[in-house]
Each structure stands twice: as C-alpha cells, then as structure tokens.
Amino acid sequence: MAKKIKITQVGSVIDRPVPQKLTIKALGLNRPNHFVVHNDTPQIRGMVKKVHHLVKVEEIEA
C-alpha cells in the first residue's frame, strides 16, 4: 500500500511568481489552511520542494 502525505497550505500565493502559483494549483490547493492528501511519490515531493515555504507536509498512516 502506498504511503500518503497530507499537504497543508500555510502561506498565501499573493505576490508569488507564476510558477509557484501554478504548482500550488496543481497540488489541488487554493487557499491558506486548505489541505489535500496525495500518494507519496517523487513527482509530488518535487512539487512540494518547489513551494516548501508555502506548505506544511505530514506523513499519514493509510
């Protein structure tokens, strides 16, 4: 079974570069304190790394 991660947006995308805004949108986030659950894949981890200052990541037990 794949591991899951909970990604919570903690920062606003106002005055952020367009690639960061698009990455937040691609993760399924749209406002601070909103969260999504994704499978822990290298692709998702790479997206999180690009916006690490705007999100909080927690590993969850499936």
PDB file of N, CA and C in Angstrom:
ATOM      1  N   MET A   1       0.842  -1.185   0.000  1.00  0.00           N
ATOM      2  CA  MET A   1       0.000   0.000   0.000  1.00  0.00           C
ATOM      3  C   MET A   1       0.886   1.246   0.000  1.00  0.00           C
ATOM      4  N   ALA A   2       0.530   2.207  -0.821  1.00  0.00           N
ATOM      5  CA  ALA A   2       1.324   3.424  -0.953  1.00  0.00           C
ATOM      6  C   ALA A   2       1.200   4.303   0.282  1.00  0.00           C
ATOM      7  N   LYS A   3       2.311   4.939   0.646  1.00  0.00           N
ATOM      8  CA  LYS A   3       2.271   5.894   1.746  1.00  0.00           C
ATOM      9  C   LYS A   3       1.545   7.141   1.275  1.00  0.00           C
ATOM     10  N   LYS A   4       0.934   7.841   2.213  1.00  0.00           N
ATOM     11  CA  LYS A   4       0.186   9.061   1.905  1.00  0.00           C
ATOM     12  C   LYS A   4       0.823  10.222   2.649  1.00  0.00           C
ATOM     13  N   ILE A   5       0.690  11.407   2.056  1.00  0.00           N
ATOM     14  CA  ILE A   5       1.129  12.620   2.731  1.00  0.00           C
ATOM     15  C   ILE A   5      -0.002  13.637   2.699  1.00  0.00           C
ATOM     16  N   LYS A   6      -0.115  14.368   3.795  1.00  0.00           N
ATOM     17  CA  LYS A   6      -1.098  15.441   3.903  1.00  0.00           C
ATOM     18  C   LYS A   6      -0.350  16.748   3.690  1.00  0.00           C
ATOM     19  N   ILE A   7      -0.790  17.517   2.698  1.00  0.00           N
ATOM     20  CA  ILE A   7      -0.142  18.783   2.355  1.00  0.00           C
ATOM     21  C   ILE A   7      -1.103  19.917   2.701  1.00  0.00           C
ATOM     22  N   THR A   8      -0.671  20.800   3.598  1.00  0.00           N
ATOM     23  CA  THR A   8      -1.486  21.926   4.046  1.00  0.00           C
ATOM     24  C   THR A   8      -0.843  23.222   3.580  1.00  0.00           C
ATOM     25  N   GLN A   9      -1.626  24.068   2.931  1.00  0.00           N
ATOM     26  CA  GLN A   9      -1.110  25.373   2.505  1.00  0.00           C
ATOM     27  C   GLN A   9      -1.100  26.301   3.706  1.00  0.00           C
ATOM     28  N   VAL A  10       0.056  26.868   4.018  1.00  0.00           N
ATOM     29  CA  VAL A  10       0.162  27.759   5.169  1.00  0.00           C
ATOM     30  C   VAL A  10       0.449  29.201   4.764  1.00  0.00           C
ATOM     31  N   GLY A  11       0.846  29.419   3.501  1.00  0.00           N
ATOM     32  CA  GLY A  11       1.150  30.768   3.042  1.00  0.00           C
ATOM     33  C   GLY A  11       0.289  31.152   1.849  1.00  0.00           C
ATOM     34  N   SER A  12       0.144  32.443   1.639  1.00  0.00           N
ATOM     35  CA  SER A  12      -0.637  32.956   0.527  1.00  0.00           C
ATOM     36  C   SER A  12       0.213  32.990  -0.746  1.00  0.00           C
ATOM     37  N   VAL A  13      -0.442  32.851  -1.895  1.00  0.00           N
ATOM     38  CA  VAL A  13       0.269  32.925  -3.171  1.00  0.00           C
ATOM     39  C   VAL A  13       0.254  34.337  -3.757  1.00  0.00           C
ATOM     40  N   ILE A  14      -0.316  35.283  -3.030  1.00  0.00           N
ATOM     41  CA  ILE A  14      -0.304  36.672  -3.481  1.00  0.00           C
ATOM     42  C   ILE A  14       1.154  37.144  -3.544  1.00  0.00           C
ATOM     43  N   ASP A  15       1.512  37.825  -4.616  1.00  0.00           N
ATOM     44  CA  ASP A  15       2.867  38.333  -4.855  1.00  0.00           C
ATOM     45  C   ASP A  15       3.914  37.233  -4.968  1.00  0.00           C
ATOM     46  N   ARG A  16       3.514  36.046  -5.388  1.00  0.00           N
ATOM     47  CA  ARG A  16       4.447  34.956  -5.659  1.00  0.00           C
ATOM     48  C   ARG A  16       4.610  34.811  -7.167  1.00  0.00           C
ATOM     49  N   PRO A  17       5.733  34.275  -7.625  1.00  0.00           N
ATOM     50  CA  PRO A  17       5.921  34.064  -9.066  1.00  0.00           C
ATOM     51  C   PRO A  17       4.870  33.091  -9.624  1.00  0.00           C
ATOM     52  N   VAL A  18       4.557  33.256 -10.901  1.00  0.00           N
ATOM     53  CA  VAL A  18       3.528  32.435 -11.547  1.00  0.00           C
ATOM     54  C   VAL A  18       3.821  30.936 -11.428  1.00  0.00           C
ATOM     55  N   PRO A  19       5.076  30.462 -11.603  1.00  0.00           N
ATOM     56  CA  PRO A  19       5.296  29.016 -11.457  1.00  0.00           C
ATOM     57  C   PRO A  19       4.908  28.478 -10.077  1.00  0.00           C
ATOM     58  N   GLN A  20       5.124  29.260  -9.026  1.00  0.00           N
ATOM     59  CA  GLN A  20       4.726  28.825  -7.681  1.00  0.00           C
ATOM     60  C   GLN A  20       3.213  28.775  -7.560  1.00  0.00           C
ATOM     61  N   LYS A  21       2.520  29.752  -8.130  1.00  0.00           N
ATOM     62  CA  LYS A  21       1.053  29.755  -8.103  1.00  0.00           C
ATOM     63  C   LYS A  21       0.511  28.526  -8.823  1.00  0.00           C
ATOM     64  N   LEU A  22       1.104  28.201  -9.983  1.00  0.00           N
ATOM     65  CA  LEU A  22       0.644  27.047 -10.752  1.00  0.00           C
ATOM     66  C   LEU A  22       0.937  25.731 -10.032  1.00  0.00           C
ATOM     67  N   THR A  23       2.050  25.659  -9.314  1.00  0.00           N
ATOM     68  CA  THR A  23       2.382  24.454  -8.561  1.00  0.00           C
ATOM     69  C   THR A  23       1.386  24.239  -7.429  1.00  0.00           C
ATOM     70  N   ILE A  24       1.043  25.306  -6.713  1.00  0.00           N
ATOM     71  CA  ILE A  24       0.043  25.208  -5.641  1.00  0.00           C
ATOM     72  C   ILE A  24      -1.294  24.726  -6.220  1.00  0.00           C
ATOM     73  N   LYS A  25      -1.683  25.282  -7.364  1.00  0.00           N
ATOM     74  CA  LYS A  25      -2.934  24.884  -8.003  1.00  0.00           C
ATOM     75  C   LYS A  25      -2.883  23.427  -8.451  1.00  0.00           C
ATOM     76  N   ALA A  26      -1.740  22.994  -8.999  1.00  0.00           N
ATOM     77  CA  ALA A  26      -1.579  21.613  -9.462  1.00  0.00           C
ATOM     78  C   ALA A  26      -1.644  20.621  -8.306  1.00  0.00           C
ATOM     79  N   LEU A  27      -1.229  21.056  -7.117  1.00  0.00           N
ATOM     80  CA  LEU A  27      -1.331  20.194  -5.938  1.00  0.00           C
ATOM     81  C   LEU A  27      -2.767  20.088  -5.434  1.00  0.00           C
ATOM     82  N   GLY A  28      -3.646  20.957  -5.915  1.00  0.00           N
ATOM     83  CA  GLY A  28      -5.041  20.928  -5.502  1.00  0.00           C
ATOM     84  C   GLY A  28      -5.358  21.870  -4.361  1.00  0.00           C
ATOM     85  N   LEU A  29      -4.438  22.779  -4.082  1.00  0.00           N
ATOM     86  CA  LEU A  29      -4.643  23.755  -3.008  1.00  0.00           C
ATOM     87  C   LEU A  29      -5.131  25.062  -3.603  1.00  0.00           C
ATOM     88  N   ASN A  30      -5.829  25.873  -2.796  1.00  0.00           N
ATOM     89  CA  ASN A  30      -6.297  27.150  -3.321  1.00  0.00           C
ATOM     90  C   ASN A  30      -6.386  28.252  -2.279  1.00  0.00           C
ATOM     91  N   ARG A  31      -6.175  27.949  -1.032  1.00  0.00           N
ATOM     92  CA  ARG A  31      -6.226  28.990  -0.012  1.00  0.00           C
ATOM     93  C   ARG A  31      -5.475  28.510   1.235  1.00  0.00           C
ATOM     94  N   PRO A  32      -4.977  29.431   2.048  1.00  0.00           N
ATOM     95  CA  PRO A  32      -4.290  29.019   3.275  1.00  0.00           C
ATOM     96  C   PRO A  32      -5.203  28.184   4.178  1.00  0.00           C
ATOM     97  N   ASN A  33      -4.613  27.238   4.864  1.00  0.00           N
ATOM     98  CA  ASN A  33      -5.253  26.290   5.778  1.00  0.00           C
ATOM     99  C   ASN A  33      -6.070  25.226   5.057  1.00  0.00           C
ATOM    100  N   HIS A  34      -6.038  25.190   3.741  1.00  0.00           N
ATOM    101  CA  HIS A  34      -6.676  24.128   2.974  1.00  0.00           C
ATOM    102  C   HIS A  34      -5.674  22.982   2.875  1.00  0.00           C
ATOM    103  N   PHE A  35      -6.151  21.731   2.880  1.00  0.00           N
ATOM    104  CA  PHE A  35      -5.227  20.610   2.777  1.00  0.00           C
ATOM    105  C   PHE A  35      -5.733  19.573   1.791  1.00  0.00           C
ATOM    106  N   VAL A  36      -4.804  18.784   1.283  1.00  0.00           N
ATOM    107  CA  VAL A  36      -5.104  17.672   0.384  1.00  0.00           C
ATOM    108  C   VAL A  36      -4.245  16.490   0.812  1.00  0.00           C
ATOM    109  N   VAL A  37      -4.679  15.301   0.424  1.00  0.00           N
ATOM    110  CA  VAL A  37      -3.920  14.083   0.695  1.00  0.00           C
ATOM    111  C   VAL A  37      -3.528  13.480  -0.648  1.00  0.00           C
ATOM    112  N   HIS A  38      -2.229  13.211  -0.807  1.00  0.00           N
ATOM    113  CA  HIS A  38      -1.702  12.630  -2.033  1.00  0.00           C
ATOM    114  C   HIS A  38      -0.867  11.403  -1.682  1.00  0.00           C
ATOM    115  N   ASN A  39      -0.687  10.521  -2.674  1.00  0.00           N
ATOM    116  CA  ASN A  39       0.276   9.436  -2.522  1.00  0.00           C
ATOM    117  C   ASN A  39       1.666  10.048  -2.465  1.00  0.00           C
ATOM    118  N   ASP A  40       2.556   9.427  -1.709  1.00  0.00           N
ATOM    119  CA  ASP A  40       3.922   9.928  -1.560  1.00  0.00           C
ATOM    120  C   ASP A  40       4.751   9.432  -2.745  1.00  0.00           C
ATOM    121  N   THR A  41       4.798  10.251  -3.798  1.00  0.00           N
ATOM    122  CA  THR A  41       5.557   9.906  -4.996  1.00  0.00           C
ATOM    123  C   THR A  41       6.669  10.930  -5.210  1.00  0.00           C
ATOM    124  N   PRO A  42       7.675  10.576  -5.989  1.00  0.00           N
ATOM    125  CA  PRO A  42       8.735  11.549  -6.274  1.00  0.00           C
ATOM    126  C   PRO A  42       8.209  12.804  -6.975  1.00  0.00           C
ATOM    127  N   GLN A  43       7.183  12.659  -7.804  1.00  0.00           N
ATOM    128  CA  GLN A  43       6.628  13.812  -8.506  1.00  0.00           C
ATOM    129  C   GLN A  43       5.992  14.789  -7.524  1.00  0.00           C
ATOM    130  N   ILE A  44       5.210  14.280  -6.591  1.00  0.00           N
ATOM    131  CA  ILE A  44       4.564  15.132  -5.588  1.00  0.00           C
ATOM    132  C   ILE A  44       5.613  15.763  -4.681  1.00  0.00           C
ATOM    133  N   ARG A  45       6.618  14.974  -4.280  1.00  0.00           N
ATOM    134  CA  ARG A  45       7.681  15.512  -3.421  1.00  0.00           C
ATOM    135  C   ARG A  45       8.438  16.641  -4.128  1.00  0.00           C
ATOM    136  N   GLY A  46       8.648  16.516  -5.438  1.00  0.00           N
ATOM    137  CA  GLY A  46       9.319  17.564  -6.189  1.00  0.00           C
ATOM    138  C   GLY A  46       8.496  18.836  -6.229  1.00  0.00           C
ATOM    139  N   MET A  47       7.180  18.687  -6.385  1.00  0.00           N
ATOM    140  CA  MET A  47       6.304  19.856  -6.388  1.00  0.00           C
ATOM    141  C   MET A  47       6.317  20.526  -5.022  1.00  0.00           C
ATOM    142  N   VAL A  48       6.299  19.723  -3.976  1.00  0.00           N
ATOM    143  CA  VAL A  48       6.327  20.272  -2.613  1.00  0.00           C
ATOM    144  C   VAL A  48       7.639  21.007  -2.370  1.00  0.00           C
ATOM    145  N   LYS A  49       8.733  20.457  -2.896  1.00  0.00           N
ATOM    146  CA  LYS A  49      10.035  21.096  -2.699  1.00  0.00           C
ATOM    147  C   LYS A  49      10.074  22.493  -3.321  1.00  0.00           C
ATOM    148  N   LYS A  50       9.379  22.682  -4.441  1.00  0.00           N
ATOM    149  CA  LYS A  50       9.360  23.985  -5.112  1.00  0.00           C
ATOM    150  C   LYS A  50       8.603  25.043  -4.316  1.00  0.00           C
ATOM    151  N   VAL A  51       7.644  24.619  -3.496  1.00  0.00           N
ATOM    152  CA  VAL A  51       6.839  25.575  -2.720  1.00  0.00           C
ATOM    153  C   VAL A  51       6.898  25.258  -1.222  1.00  0.00           C
ATOM    154  N   HIS A  52       8.041  24.729  -0.773  1.00  0.00           N
ATOM    155  CA  HIS A  52       8.175  24.295   0.623  1.00  0.00           C
ATOM    156  C   HIS A  52       7.905  25.402   1.625  1.00  0.00           C
ATOM    157  N   HIS A  53       8.115  26.650   1.228  1.00  0.00           N
ATOM    158  CA  HIS A  53       7.896  27.788   2.118  1.00  0.00           C
ATOM    159  C   HIS A  53       6.414  28.160   2.229  1.00  0.00           C
ATOM    160  N   LEU A  54       5.564  27.559   1.399  1.00  0.00           N
ATOM    161  CA  LEU A  54       4.129  27.860   1.413  1.00  0.00           C
ATOM    162  C   LEU A  54       3.285  26.704   1.951  1.00  0.00           C
ATOM    163  N   VAL A  55       3.902  25.554   2.193  1.00  0.00           N
ATOM    164  CA  VAL A  55       3.139  24.377   2.598  1.00  0.00           C
ATOM    165  C   VAL A  55       3.775  23.690   3.806  1.00  0.00           C
ATOM    166  N   LYS A  56       2.950  22.866   4.459  1.00  0.00           N
ATOM    167  CA  LYS A  56       3.400  22.014   5.551  1.00  0.00           C
ATOM    168  C   LYS A  56       3.049  20.576   5.146  1.00  0.00           C
ATOM    169  N   VAL A  57       3.968  19.648   5.328  1.00  0.00           N
ATOM    170  CA  VAL A  57       3.771  18.264   4.903  1.00  0.00           C
ATOM    171  C   VAL A  57       3.806  17.352   6.118  1.00  0.00           C
ATOM    172  N   GLU A  58       2.814  16.444   6.185  1.00  0.00           N
ATOM    173  CA  GLU A  58       2.766  15.440   7.250  1.00  0.00           C
ATOM    174  C   GLU A  58       2.560  14.078   6.612  1.00  0.00           C
ATOM    175  N   GLU A  59       3.318  13.086   7.058  1.00  0.00           N
ATOM    176  CA  GLU A  59       3.098  11.727   6.585  1.00  0.00           C
ATOM    177  C   GLU A  59       1.969  11.128   7.417  1.00  0.00           C
ATOM    178  N   ILE A  60       1.049  10.433   6.753  1.00  0.00           N
ATOM    179  CA  ILE A  60      -0.078   9.832   7.463  1.00  0.00           C
ATOM    180  C   ILE A  60      -0.106   8.348   7.224  1.00  0.00           C
ATOM    181  N   GLU A  61      -0.654   7.644   8.162  1.00  0.00           N
ATOM    182  CA  GLU A  61      -0.792   6.187   8.068  1.00  0.00           C
ATOM    183  C   GLU A  61      -2.057   5.883   7.285  1.00  0.00           C
ATOM    184  N   ALA A  62      -1.934   5.029   6.292  1.00  0.00           N
ATOM    185  CA  ALA A  62      -3.093   4.699   5.456  1.00  0.00           C
ATOM    186  C   ALA A  62      -3.947   3.621   6.111  1.00  0.00           C
TER     187      ALA A  62
END
